[in-house]
Amino acid sequence: MARGRLVILGFAFGAIGMGVGTSSAAPITYNINQTIGSGSVVGSIGTDGTLGSLGASNVVDWTLTLTSGMASYVLTSSNSAVVGSGADLMATSSQLLFDYSGTDGGYLLFQQGLYSGNHYYCDAAAGNFACSQGATVAPESNSSPSFQNVGLSGNVVIGTAVSSVPLPAALPLFGVAVLTLAGLGYGKSRRKASAVTGAPIA
């Protein structure tokens, strides 16, 4: 087989590998729509794509609207901070979960002015030093009537991954077919050139 055809076909088989491979570190955005008592937290949390146990450092972006009664406040990654401890925050490719029954005093806190008692959303297991156990929303402060906290237990879904448009399954195969035909055409043109000039085919 001609060297040129081997190169093209080798590239084609490489394309097959790229077509079926998956990225394990692509960022993931999770939609948040959590009801907490008479309040709610709605928005999104973005991670660096890590799956399994997450820490606050794996959370890279967020926009969260905190609402309770007539009070509302929007936390973003530019006007607030995220902090946490423990191993109770978990991620899969489709869900973000928090284990409210964790025994490590874990919590995840989004707040404008850390530990100020104002403008925050928190998920927490028992025994932590920062928040009440369960889910908490405080669009104003922890001493305001808008403060809401609900005790929760177990591993609870707090977010679902934003759907992405998948690559059509046939697209990688189409690319392989094009490359293969190109390789065959290249070899044919080389043979014609050899027949005319008498030069050997590489």
N, C-alpha and C. Protein backbone atom coordinates (compact mmCIF):
# COMPACT_ATOMS: atom_id res chain seq x y z
N MET A 1 0.86 -1.19 0.00
CA MET A 1 0.00 0.00 0.00
C MET A 1 0.89 1.23 0.00
N ALA A 2 0.52 2.24 -0.71
CA ALA A 2 1.33 3.44 -0.81
C ALA A 2 1.44 4.14 0.52
N ARG A 3 2.61 4.80 0.71
CA ARG A 3 2.83 5.48 1.97
C ARG A 3 1.80 6.59 2.21
N GLY A 4 1.44 7.30 1.14
CA GLY A 4 0.46 8.38 1.26
C GLY A 4 -0.87 7.85 1.76
N ARG A 5 -1.29 6.68 1.24
CA ARG A 5 -2.56 6.10 1.69
C ARG A 5 -2.48 5.68 3.15
N LEU A 6 -1.31 5.16 3.56
CA LEU A 6 -1.16 4.77 4.95
C LEU A 6 -1.30 5.97 5.89
N VAL A 7 -0.72 7.11 5.47
CA VAL A 7 -0.81 8.31 6.29
C VAL A 7 -2.25 8.77 6.42
N ILE A 8 -2.98 8.82 5.28
CA ILE A 8 -4.36 9.29 5.30
C ILE A 8 -5.25 8.36 6.11
N LEU A 9 -5.08 7.04 5.89
CA LEU A 9 -5.90 6.08 6.60
C LEU A 9 -5.59 6.08 8.09
N GLY A 10 -4.32 6.27 8.43
CA GLY A 10 -3.95 6.35 9.83
C GLY A 10 -4.62 7.54 10.49
N PHE A 11 -4.67 8.66 9.77
CA PHE A 11 -5.34 9.85 10.28
C PHE A 11 -6.83 9.59 10.46
N ALA A 12 -7.39 8.82 9.53
CA ALA A 12 -8.83 8.50 9.62
C ALA A 12 -9.14 7.68 10.85
N PHE A 13 -8.29 6.65 11.11
CA PHE A 13 -8.53 5.85 12.31
C PHE A 13 -8.31 6.67 13.58
N GLY A 14 -7.41 7.65 13.53
CA GLY A 14 -7.24 8.55 14.66
C GLY A 14 -8.50 9.35 14.88
N ALA A 15 -9.15 9.74 13.79
CA ALA A 15 -10.39 10.50 13.90
C ALA A 15 -11.49 9.68 14.55
N ILE A 16 -11.49 8.36 14.30
CA ILE A 16 -12.47 7.49 14.95
C ILE A 16 -12.30 7.56 16.46
N GLY A 17 -11.03 7.49 16.90
CA GLY A 17 -10.77 7.55 18.33
C GLY A 17 -11.23 8.86 18.94
N MET A 18 -10.99 9.96 18.20
CA MET A 18 -11.42 11.25 18.72
C MET A 18 -12.94 11.35 18.75
N GLY A 19 -13.60 10.70 17.81
CA GLY A 19 -15.05 10.79 17.73
C GLY A 19 -15.74 10.10 18.88
N VAL A 20 -15.18 9.01 19.39
CA VAL A 20 -15.86 8.26 20.44
C VAL A 20 -15.34 8.59 21.83
N GLY A 21 -14.28 9.41 21.92
CA GLY A 21 -13.72 9.75 23.21
C GLY A 21 -14.60 10.76 23.94
N THR A 22 -14.48 10.83 25.28
CA THR A 22 -15.22 11.82 26.07
C THR A 22 -14.25 12.58 26.95
N SER A 23 -14.57 13.82 27.23
CA SER A 23 -13.74 14.64 28.10
C SER A 23 -14.20 14.46 29.53
N SER A 24 -13.26 14.21 30.43
CA SER A 24 -13.62 14.00 31.83
C SER A 24 -13.46 15.28 32.65
N ALA A 25 -13.01 16.36 32.04
CA ALA A 25 -12.76 17.58 32.79
C ALA A 25 -13.44 18.80 32.19
N ALA A 26 -14.44 18.62 31.35
CA ALA A 26 -15.16 19.76 30.79
C ALA A 26 -16.02 20.40 31.88
N PRO A 27 -16.04 21.74 31.97
CA PRO A 27 -16.87 22.40 32.98
C PRO A 27 -18.33 21.97 32.85
N ILE A 28 -19.02 21.90 33.98
CA ILE A 28 -20.44 21.52 34.00
C ILE A 28 -21.23 22.62 34.71
N THR A 29 -22.35 23.01 34.12
CA THR A 29 -23.25 23.98 34.75
C THR A 29 -24.51 23.25 35.20
N TYR A 30 -24.88 23.45 36.46
CA TYR A 30 -26.06 22.82 37.03
C TYR A 30 -27.14 23.87 37.29
N ASN A 31 -28.35 23.58 36.85
CA ASN A 31 -29.49 24.44 37.16
C ASN A 31 -29.92 24.22 38.61
N ILE A 32 -30.15 25.30 39.32
CA ILE A 32 -30.59 25.23 40.72
C ILE A 32 -32.01 25.76 40.80
N ASN A 33 -32.90 24.99 41.41
CA ASN A 33 -34.28 25.42 41.62
C ASN A 33 -34.76 24.75 42.91
N GLN A 34 -34.38 25.35 44.03
CA GLN A 34 -34.60 24.72 45.33
C GLN A 34 -35.60 25.54 46.17
N THR A 35 -36.63 24.87 46.63
CA THR A 35 -37.59 25.50 47.52
C THR A 35 -37.16 25.26 48.96
N ILE A 36 -37.08 26.34 49.72
CA ILE A 36 -36.65 26.25 51.11
C ILE A 36 -37.70 26.96 51.97
N GLY A 37 -38.59 26.20 52.59
CA GLY A 37 -39.68 26.79 53.34
C GLY A 37 -40.56 27.61 52.40
N SER A 38 -40.76 28.88 52.74
CA SER A 38 -41.52 29.76 51.86
C SER A 38 -40.61 30.54 50.93
N GLY A 39 -39.32 30.20 50.95
CA GLY A 39 -38.35 30.87 50.08
C GLY A 39 -37.83 29.95 49.00
N SER A 40 -36.90 30.46 48.20
CA SER A 40 -36.34 29.65 47.12
C SER A 40 -34.97 30.17 46.70
N VAL A 41 -34.24 29.28 46.05
CA VAL A 41 -32.97 29.64 45.42
C VAL A 41 -33.05 29.14 43.98
N VAL A 42 -32.91 30.06 43.03
CA VAL A 42 -33.04 29.72 41.62
C VAL A 42 -31.85 30.31 40.87
N GLY A 43 -31.27 29.52 39.98
CA GLY A 43 -30.15 30.02 39.20
C GLY A 43 -29.27 28.90 38.70
N SER A 44 -27.96 29.08 38.80
CA SER A 44 -27.03 28.07 38.29
C SER A 44 -25.74 28.08 39.09
N ILE A 45 -25.12 26.91 39.13
CA ILE A 45 -23.80 26.73 39.74
C ILE A 45 -22.93 26.02 38.72
N GLY A 46 -21.77 26.57 38.45
CA GLY A 46 -20.83 25.96 37.51
C GLY A 46 -19.64 25.37 38.23
N THR A 47 -19.23 24.17 37.82
CA THR A 47 -18.07 23.52 38.41
C THR A 47 -16.99 23.34 37.35
N ASP A 48 -15.81 22.92 37.80
CA ASP A 48 -14.70 22.69 36.87
C ASP A 48 -14.80 21.34 36.18
N GLY A 49 -15.88 20.61 36.40
CA GLY A 49 -16.09 19.33 35.73
C GLY A 49 -15.70 18.13 36.56
N THR A 50 -15.16 18.36 37.76
CA THR A 50 -14.80 17.24 38.63
C THR A 50 -16.05 16.45 39.02
N LEU A 51 -15.93 15.13 38.98
CA LEU A 51 -17.02 14.25 39.39
C LEU A 51 -16.65 13.56 40.70
N GLY A 52 -17.67 13.22 41.48
CA GLY A 52 -17.42 12.63 42.80
C GLY A 52 -17.50 13.72 43.85
N SER A 53 -16.68 13.60 44.89
CA SER A 53 -16.70 14.57 45.98
C SER A 53 -16.09 15.90 45.53
N LEU A 54 -16.78 17.00 45.82
CA LEU A 54 -16.31 18.33 45.45
C LEU A 54 -16.01 19.17 46.68
N GLY A 55 -15.09 20.10 46.52
CA GLY A 55 -14.84 21.12 47.52
C GLY A 55 -15.26 22.47 46.95
N ALA A 56 -15.24 23.49 47.78
CA ALA A 56 -15.63 24.82 47.31
C ALA A 56 -14.74 25.28 46.16
N SER A 57 -13.49 24.82 46.13
CA SER A 57 -12.57 25.24 45.06
C SER A 57 -12.98 24.70 43.70
N ASN A 58 -13.82 23.67 43.67
CA ASN A 58 -14.30 23.11 42.39
C ASN A 58 -15.47 23.89 41.83
N VAL A 59 -16.04 24.78 42.64
CA VAL A 59 -17.14 25.64 42.18
C VAL A 59 -16.53 26.90 41.59
N VAL A 60 -16.73 27.13 40.30
CA VAL A 60 -16.04 28.22 39.61
C VAL A 60 -16.95 29.37 39.18
N ASP A 61 -18.26 29.16 39.23
CA ASP A 61 -19.16 30.21 38.78
C ASP A 61 -20.56 29.98 39.37
N TRP A 62 -21.28 31.05 39.60
CA TRP A 62 -22.65 30.90 40.11
C TRP A 62 -23.43 32.20 39.90
N THR A 63 -24.73 32.03 39.70
CA THR A 63 -25.70 33.11 39.72
C THR A 63 -26.93 32.56 40.41
N LEU A 64 -27.23 33.08 41.59
CA LEU A 64 -28.28 32.53 42.43
C LEU A 64 -29.19 33.65 42.92
N THR A 65 -30.47 33.53 42.61
CA THR A 65 -31.46 34.49 43.09
C THR A 65 -32.11 33.96 44.35
N LEU A 66 -31.91 34.65 45.45
CA LEU A 66 -32.46 34.26 46.74
C LEU A 66 -33.77 35.03 46.95
N THR A 67 -34.83 34.30 47.23
CA THR A 67 -36.14 34.95 47.39
C THR A 67 -36.86 34.39 48.60
N SER A 68 -37.49 35.28 49.35
CA SER A 68 -38.34 34.87 50.46
C SER A 68 -39.28 36.04 50.76
N GLY A 69 -40.60 35.79 50.66
CA GLY A 69 -41.55 36.88 50.84
C GLY A 69 -41.32 37.96 49.80
N MET A 70 -41.20 39.19 50.24
CA MET A 70 -40.95 40.31 49.34
C MET A 70 -39.46 40.59 49.16
N ALA A 71 -38.63 39.86 49.88
CA ALA A 71 -37.18 40.09 49.83
C ALA A 71 -36.53 39.26 48.73
N SER A 72 -35.53 39.84 48.08
CA SER A 72 -34.81 39.14 47.02
C SER A 72 -33.39 39.68 46.93
N TYR A 73 -32.47 38.79 46.62
CA TYR A 73 -31.08 39.19 46.46
C TYR A 73 -30.41 38.24 45.49
N VAL A 74 -29.56 38.78 44.61
CA VAL A 74 -28.88 37.95 43.62
C VAL A 74 -27.40 37.83 43.98
N LEU A 75 -26.96 36.61 44.19
CA LEU A 75 -25.54 36.32 44.42
C LEU A 75 -24.91 35.90 43.10
N THR A 76 -23.76 36.46 42.78
CA THR A 76 -23.01 36.05 41.60
C THR A 76 -21.55 35.81 42.00
N SER A 77 -20.81 35.22 41.10
CA SER A 77 -19.40 34.96 41.38
C SER A 77 -18.58 36.25 41.44
N SER A 78 -19.17 37.38 41.03
CA SER A 78 -18.45 38.64 41.08
C SER A 78 -18.80 39.49 42.30
N ASN A 79 -19.92 39.20 42.98
CA ASN A 79 -20.28 40.01 44.14
C ASN A 79 -20.31 39.22 45.45
N SER A 80 -19.92 37.95 45.40
CA SER A 80 -19.98 37.11 46.60
C SER A 80 -18.89 36.05 46.54
N ALA A 81 -18.84 35.24 47.57
CA ALA A 81 -17.81 34.19 47.64
C ALA A 81 -18.46 32.87 48.02
N VAL A 82 -17.73 31.79 47.77
CA VAL A 82 -18.19 30.46 48.16
C VAL A 82 -17.13 29.83 49.04
N VAL A 83 -17.58 29.17 50.10
CA VAL A 83 -16.66 28.50 51.02
C VAL A 83 -17.36 27.26 51.55
N GLY A 84 -16.60 26.31 52.00
CA GLY A 84 -17.21 25.09 52.52
C GLY A 84 -16.18 24.18 53.15
N SER A 85 -16.67 23.07 53.68
CA SER A 85 -15.79 22.06 54.26
C SER A 85 -16.48 20.72 54.17
N GLY A 86 -15.73 19.66 54.47
CA GLY A 86 -16.30 18.33 54.43
C GLY A 86 -16.34 17.76 53.04
N ALA A 87 -16.97 16.58 52.93
CA ALA A 87 -17.05 15.86 51.65
C ALA A 87 -18.49 15.54 51.31
N ASP A 88 -19.40 16.46 51.64
CA ASP A 88 -20.82 16.19 51.45
C ASP A 88 -21.38 16.67 50.12
N LEU A 89 -20.64 17.51 49.42
CA LEU A 89 -21.05 17.96 48.09
C LEU A 89 -20.55 16.96 47.07
N MET A 90 -21.47 16.41 46.26
CA MET A 90 -21.12 15.40 45.27
C MET A 90 -21.63 15.81 43.90
N ALA A 91 -20.91 15.36 42.87
CA ALA A 91 -21.33 15.68 41.51
C ALA A 91 -21.27 14.45 40.62
N THR A 92 -22.28 14.31 39.78
CA THR A 92 -22.25 13.36 38.69
C THR A 92 -22.34 14.19 37.41
N SER A 93 -22.32 13.53 36.27
CA SER A 93 -22.41 14.27 35.02
C SER A 93 -23.79 14.89 34.82
N SER A 94 -24.77 14.46 35.61
CA SER A 94 -26.13 14.98 35.44
C SER A 94 -26.71 15.65 36.68
N GLN A 95 -26.09 15.44 37.86
CA GLN A 95 -26.69 15.98 39.08
C GLN A 95 -25.63 16.54 40.04
N LEU A 96 -26.06 17.52 40.81
CA LEU A 96 -25.27 18.05 41.92
C LEU A 96 -26.05 17.72 43.19
N LEU A 97 -25.38 17.09 44.15
CA LEU A 97 -26.06 16.59 45.34
C LEU A 97 -25.36 17.06 46.61
N PHE A 98 -26.14 17.12 47.69
CA PHE A 98 -25.54 17.41 49.00
C PHE A 98 -26.08 16.40 50.01
N ASP A 99 -25.15 15.84 50.82
CA ASP A 99 -25.52 14.86 51.83
C ASP A 99 -25.76 15.56 53.16
N TYR A 100 -27.03 15.83 53.44
CA TYR A 100 -27.38 16.53 54.67
C TYR A 100 -27.21 15.66 55.91
N SER A 101 -27.00 14.36 55.71
CA SER A 101 -26.78 13.46 56.84
C SER A 101 -25.29 13.18 57.05
N GLY A 102 -24.45 13.94 56.39
CA GLY A 102 -23.01 13.75 56.55
C GLY A 102 -22.59 13.91 58.00
N THR A 103 -21.55 13.20 58.38
CA THR A 103 -21.09 13.22 59.77
C THR A 103 -19.79 13.99 59.95
N ASP A 104 -19.40 14.73 58.90
CA ASP A 104 -18.12 15.44 58.96
C ASP A 104 -18.28 16.95 59.17
N GLY A 105 -19.49 17.38 59.53
CA GLY A 105 -19.71 18.80 59.74
C GLY A 105 -19.55 19.61 58.48
N GLY A 106 -19.92 19.03 57.36
CA GLY A 106 -19.73 19.70 56.08
C GLY A 106 -20.77 20.76 55.79
N TYR A 107 -20.39 21.73 54.96
CA TYR A 107 -21.32 22.76 54.52
C TYR A 107 -20.81 23.39 53.22
N LEU A 108 -21.74 24.03 52.50
CA LEU A 108 -21.41 24.80 51.31
C LEU A 108 -22.15 26.12 51.42
N LEU A 109 -21.40 27.22 51.45
CA LEU A 109 -21.98 28.54 51.71
C LEU A 109 -21.64 29.52 50.60
N PHE A 110 -22.68 30.13 50.03
CA PHE A 110 -22.53 31.24 49.08
C PHE A 110 -23.00 32.50 49.80
N GLN A 111 -22.14 33.51 49.88
CA GLN A 111 -22.52 34.68 50.68
C GLN A 111 -21.81 35.95 50.23
N GLN A 112 -22.54 37.04 50.33
CA GLN A 112 -21.95 38.36 50.12
C GLN A 112 -21.48 38.84 51.49
N GLY A 113 -20.16 38.84 51.68
CA GLY A 113 -19.60 39.16 52.99
C GLY A 113 -19.59 37.92 53.86
N LEU A 114 -18.58 37.08 53.69
CA LEU A 114 -18.54 35.78 54.37
C LEU A 114 -18.71 35.90 55.89
N TYR A 115 -19.59 35.05 56.40
CA TYR A 115 -19.88 34.91 57.83
C TYR A 115 -20.44 36.20 58.46
N SER A 116 -21.02 37.05 57.62
CA SER A 116 -21.62 38.29 58.12
C SER A 116 -23.04 38.10 58.61
N GLY A 117 -23.67 36.99 58.22
CA GLY A 117 -25.07 36.77 58.54
C GLY A 117 -26.04 37.37 57.54
N ASN A 118 -25.48 38.00 56.48
CA ASN A 118 -26.32 38.66 55.48
C ASN A 118 -26.22 37.98 54.10
N HIS A 119 -27.31 38.02 53.35
CA HIS A 119 -27.32 37.63 51.94
C HIS A 119 -26.59 36.30 51.69
N TYR A 120 -27.24 35.18 52.00
CA TYR A 120 -26.55 33.91 51.78
C TYR A 120 -27.50 32.75 51.50
N TYR A 121 -26.88 31.74 50.91
CA TYR A 121 -27.51 30.44 50.66
C TYR A 121 -26.56 29.39 51.18
N CYS A 122 -27.08 28.44 51.96
CA CYS A 122 -26.20 27.44 52.56
C CYS A 122 -26.85 26.07 52.59
N ASP A 123 -26.05 25.06 52.28
CA ASP A 123 -26.43 23.65 52.47
C ASP A 123 -25.48 23.10 53.51
N ALA A 124 -26.02 22.45 54.53
CA ALA A 124 -25.15 22.07 55.65
C ALA A 124 -25.59 20.79 56.33
N ALA A 125 -24.59 20.02 56.76
CA ALA A 125 -24.83 18.84 57.60
C ALA A 125 -24.75 19.29 59.06
N ALA A 126 -25.15 18.42 59.94
CA ALA A 126 -25.11 18.74 61.37
C ALA A 126 -23.67 18.88 61.85
N GLY A 127 -23.48 19.71 62.87
CA GLY A 127 -22.17 19.83 63.49
C GLY A 127 -21.24 20.81 62.83
N ASN A 128 -21.70 21.52 61.78
CA ASN A 128 -20.83 22.51 61.16
C ASN A 128 -20.93 23.82 61.95
N PHE A 129 -19.95 24.71 61.77
CA PHE A 129 -19.92 25.93 62.57
C PHE A 129 -20.55 27.13 61.86
N ALA A 130 -20.91 26.98 60.56
CA ALA A 130 -21.29 28.14 59.78
C ALA A 130 -22.80 28.34 59.63
N CYS A 131 -23.54 27.26 59.42
CA CYS A 131 -24.96 27.37 59.06
C CYS A 131 -25.83 26.40 59.85
N SER A 132 -27.12 26.68 59.88
CA SER A 132 -28.07 25.74 60.46
C SER A 132 -28.11 24.49 59.60
N GLN A 133 -28.33 23.33 60.24
CA GLN A 133 -28.40 22.09 59.47
C GLN A 133 -29.55 22.17 58.47
N GLY A 134 -29.29 21.62 57.27
CA GLY A 134 -30.30 21.63 56.22
C GLY A 134 -30.00 22.69 55.18
N ALA A 135 -31.05 23.19 54.53
CA ALA A 135 -30.91 24.21 53.50
C ALA A 135 -31.40 25.54 54.04
N THR A 136 -30.63 26.58 53.77
CA THR A 136 -30.95 27.91 54.29
C THR A 136 -30.90 28.94 53.17
N VAL A 137 -31.88 29.83 53.14
CA VAL A 137 -31.85 30.98 52.24
C VAL A 137 -32.10 32.23 53.08
N ALA A 138 -31.24 33.22 52.90
CA ALA A 138 -31.36 34.48 53.64
C ALA A 138 -31.11 35.64 52.67
N PRO A 139 -32.16 36.08 51.98
CA PRO A 139 -31.98 37.19 51.04
C PRO A 139 -31.62 38.50 51.73
N GLU A 140 -31.96 38.61 53.02
CA GLU A 140 -31.60 39.81 53.79
C GLU A 140 -30.56 39.43 54.85
N SER A 141 -31.00 38.86 55.96
CA SER A 141 -30.07 38.45 57.02
C SER A 141 -30.68 37.30 57.81
N ASN A 142 -29.85 36.70 58.68
CA ASN A 142 -30.35 35.58 59.48
C ASN A 142 -31.22 36.04 60.65
N SER A 143 -31.40 37.36 60.81
CA SER A 143 -32.30 37.87 61.85
C SER A 143 -33.55 38.51 61.24
N SER A 144 -33.67 38.39 59.91
CA SER A 144 -34.82 38.98 59.21
C SER A 144 -35.96 37.97 59.11
N PRO A 145 -37.21 38.44 59.02
CA PRO A 145 -38.34 37.53 58.81
C PRO A 145 -38.23 36.74 57.50
N SER A 146 -37.42 37.22 56.57
CA SER A 146 -37.27 36.52 55.29
C SER A 146 -36.35 35.30 55.40
N PHE A 147 -35.66 35.16 56.52
CA PHE A 147 -34.78 34.01 56.74
C PHE A 147 -35.58 32.72 56.73
N GLN A 148 -35.12 31.74 55.95
CA GLN A 148 -35.79 30.44 55.88
C GLN A 148 -34.76 29.32 56.01
N ASN A 149 -35.09 28.33 56.83
CA ASN A 149 -34.25 27.15 56.99
C ASN A 149 -35.14 25.92 57.10
N VAL A 150 -34.75 24.87 56.38
CA VAL A 150 -35.48 23.60 56.43
C VAL A 150 -34.49 22.48 56.72
N GLY A 151 -34.75 21.70 57.78
CA GLY A 151 -33.91 20.56 58.07
C GLY A 151 -34.12 19.46 57.04
N LEU A 152 -33.04 18.90 56.52
CA LEU A 152 -33.11 17.85 55.50
C LEU A 152 -32.19 16.70 55.88
N SER A 153 -32.43 15.54 55.28
CA SER A 153 -31.58 14.38 55.55
C SER A 153 -31.33 13.62 54.26
N GLY A 154 -30.24 12.87 54.27
CA GLY A 154 -29.90 12.05 53.11
C GLY A 154 -29.22 12.84 52.00
N ASN A 155 -28.95 12.12 50.93
CA ASN A 155 -28.28 12.70 49.77
C ASN A 155 -29.35 13.29 48.86
N VAL A 156 -29.42 14.59 48.77
CA VAL A 156 -30.50 15.28 48.06
C VAL A 156 -29.95 16.00 46.83
N VAL A 157 -30.67 15.86 45.72
CA VAL A 157 -30.28 16.57 44.49
C VAL A 157 -30.59 18.05 44.66
N ILE A 158 -29.58 18.89 44.51
CA ILE A 158 -29.78 20.34 44.60
C ILE A 158 -29.64 21.01 43.24
N GLY A 159 -29.17 20.27 42.24
CA GLY A 159 -29.04 20.84 40.90
C GLY A 159 -28.99 19.77 39.84
N THR A 160 -29.42 20.11 38.64
CA THR A 160 -29.37 19.19 37.50
C THR A 160 -28.58 19.84 36.37
N ALA A 161 -27.77 19.05 35.70
CA ALA A 161 -26.89 19.57 34.66
C ALA A 161 -27.68 20.15 33.49
N VAL A 162 -27.18 21.27 32.99
CA VAL A 162 -27.77 21.89 31.81
C VAL A 162 -27.52 20.97 30.63
N SER A 163 -28.56 20.67 29.87
CA SER A 163 -28.43 19.79 28.71
C SER A 163 -27.58 20.46 27.65
N SER A 164 -26.70 19.68 27.04
CA SER A 164 -25.90 20.18 25.93
C SER A 164 -26.30 19.43 24.67
N VAL A 165 -26.06 20.02 23.52
CA VAL A 165 -26.39 19.39 22.25
C VAL A 165 -25.30 18.39 21.92
N PRO A 166 -25.61 17.07 21.92
CA PRO A 166 -24.58 16.07 21.68
C PRO A 166 -24.13 16.06 20.23
N LEU A 167 -22.90 15.63 20.01
CA LEU A 167 -22.38 15.46 18.65
C LEU A 167 -23.14 14.32 17.98
N PRO A 168 -23.71 14.56 16.78
CA PRO A 168 -24.43 13.48 16.10
C PRO A 168 -23.56 12.25 15.98
N ALA A 169 -24.14 11.09 16.31
CA ALA A 169 -23.36 9.86 16.33
C ALA A 169 -22.73 9.54 14.99
N ALA A 170 -23.40 9.93 13.89
CA ALA A 170 -22.90 9.59 12.56
C ALA A 170 -21.81 10.53 12.08
N LEU A 171 -21.63 11.68 12.77
CA LEU A 171 -20.69 12.67 12.27
C LEU A 171 -19.25 12.17 12.23
N PRO A 172 -18.73 11.52 13.30
CA PRO A 172 -17.36 11.01 13.21
C PRO A 172 -17.20 9.99 12.08
N LEU A 173 -18.19 9.12 11.87
CA LEU A 173 -18.10 8.14 10.80
C LEU A 173 -18.10 8.80 9.44
N PHE A 174 -18.88 9.88 9.30
CA PHE A 174 -18.90 10.62 8.04
C PHE A 174 -17.52 11.20 7.77
N GLY A 175 -16.89 11.74 8.83
CA GLY A 175 -15.55 12.30 8.66
C GLY A 175 -14.55 11.23 8.25
N VAL A 176 -14.67 10.04 8.84
CA VAL A 176 -13.78 8.93 8.49
C VAL A 176 -13.96 8.55 7.02
N ALA A 177 -15.24 8.50 6.57
CA ALA A 177 -15.50 8.14 5.18
C ALA A 177 -14.88 9.13 4.22
N VAL A 178 -14.99 10.41 4.53
CA VAL A 178 -14.41 11.44 3.68
C VAL A 178 -12.90 11.29 3.61
N LEU A 179 -12.27 11.08 4.77
CA LEU A 179 -10.82 10.95 4.80
C LEU A 179 -10.35 9.69 4.06
N THR A 180 -11.13 8.60 4.21
CA THR A 180 -10.77 7.36 3.52
C THR A 180 -10.84 7.53 2.02
N LEU A 181 -11.93 8.15 1.54
CA LEU A 181 -12.06 8.39 0.11
C LEU A 181 -10.96 9.30 -0.40
N ALA A 182 -10.59 10.28 0.43
CA ALA A 182 -9.50 11.17 0.03
C ALA A 182 -8.20 10.38 -0.11
N GLY A 183 -7.99 9.43 0.81
CA GLY A 183 -6.78 8.62 0.73
C GLY A 183 -6.76 7.76 -0.52
N LEU A 184 -7.91 7.16 -0.86
CA LEU A 184 -7.98 6.33 -2.04
C LEU A 184 -7.76 7.16 -3.30
N GLY A 185 -8.35 8.36 -3.30
CA GLY A 185 -8.17 9.23 -4.46
C GLY A 185 -6.73 9.66 -4.61
N TYR A 186 -6.08 9.92 -3.47
CA TYR A 186 -4.67 10.32 -3.51
C TYR A 186 -3.82 9.21 -4.10
N GLY A 187 -4.08 7.95 -3.66
CA GLY A 187 -3.30 6.84 -4.19
C GLY A 187 -3.53 6.65 -5.68
N LYS A 188 -4.77 6.82 -6.14
CA LYS A 188 -5.09 6.65 -7.56
C LYS A 188 -4.38 7.70 -8.40
N SER A 189 -4.36 8.95 -7.91
CA SER A 189 -3.71 10.01 -8.67
C SER A 189 -2.21 9.77 -8.74
N ARG A 190 -1.64 9.21 -7.68
CA ARG A 190 -0.20 8.90 -7.68
C ARG A 190 0.12 7.82 -8.70
N ARG A 191 -0.77 6.81 -8.83
CA ARG A 191 -0.52 5.74 -9.80
C ARG A 191 -0.59 6.27 -11.23
N LYS A 192 -1.54 7.19 -11.48
CA LYS A 192 -1.63 7.78 -12.81
C LYS A 192 -0.37 8.56 -13.13
N ALA A 193 0.12 9.31 -12.17
CA ALA A 193 1.33 10.09 -12.39
C ALA A 193 2.50 9.18 -12.68
N SER A 194 2.55 8.04 -12.00
CA SER A 194 3.64 7.10 -12.22
C SER A 194 3.57 6.51 -13.61
N ALA A 195 2.34 6.23 -14.08
CA ALA A 195 2.19 5.63 -15.41
C ALA A 195 2.66 6.59 -16.50
N VAL A 196 2.49 7.88 -16.25
CA VAL A 196 2.88 8.87 -17.25
C VAL A 196 4.36 9.13 -17.22
N THR A 197 4.95 9.25 -16.03
CA THR A 197 6.36 9.64 -15.91
C THR A 197 7.30 8.46 -15.76
N GLY A 198 6.74 7.31 -15.37
CA GLY A 198 7.60 6.15 -15.13
C GLY A 198 8.26 6.19 -13.78
N ALA A 199 7.91 7.18 -12.96
CA ALA A 199 8.51 7.28 -11.63
C ALA A 199 7.88 6.25 -10.71
N PRO A 200 8.63 5.70 -9.78
CA PRO A 200 8.07 4.72 -8.84
C PRO A 200 7.07 5.37 -7.91
N ILE A 201 6.07 4.59 -7.45
CA ILE A 201 5.11 5.08 -6.46
C ILE A 201 5.72 4.97 -5.08
N ALA A 202 5.63 6.04 -4.28
CA ALA A 202 6.24 6.06 -2.94
C ALA A 202 5.54 5.09 -2.02
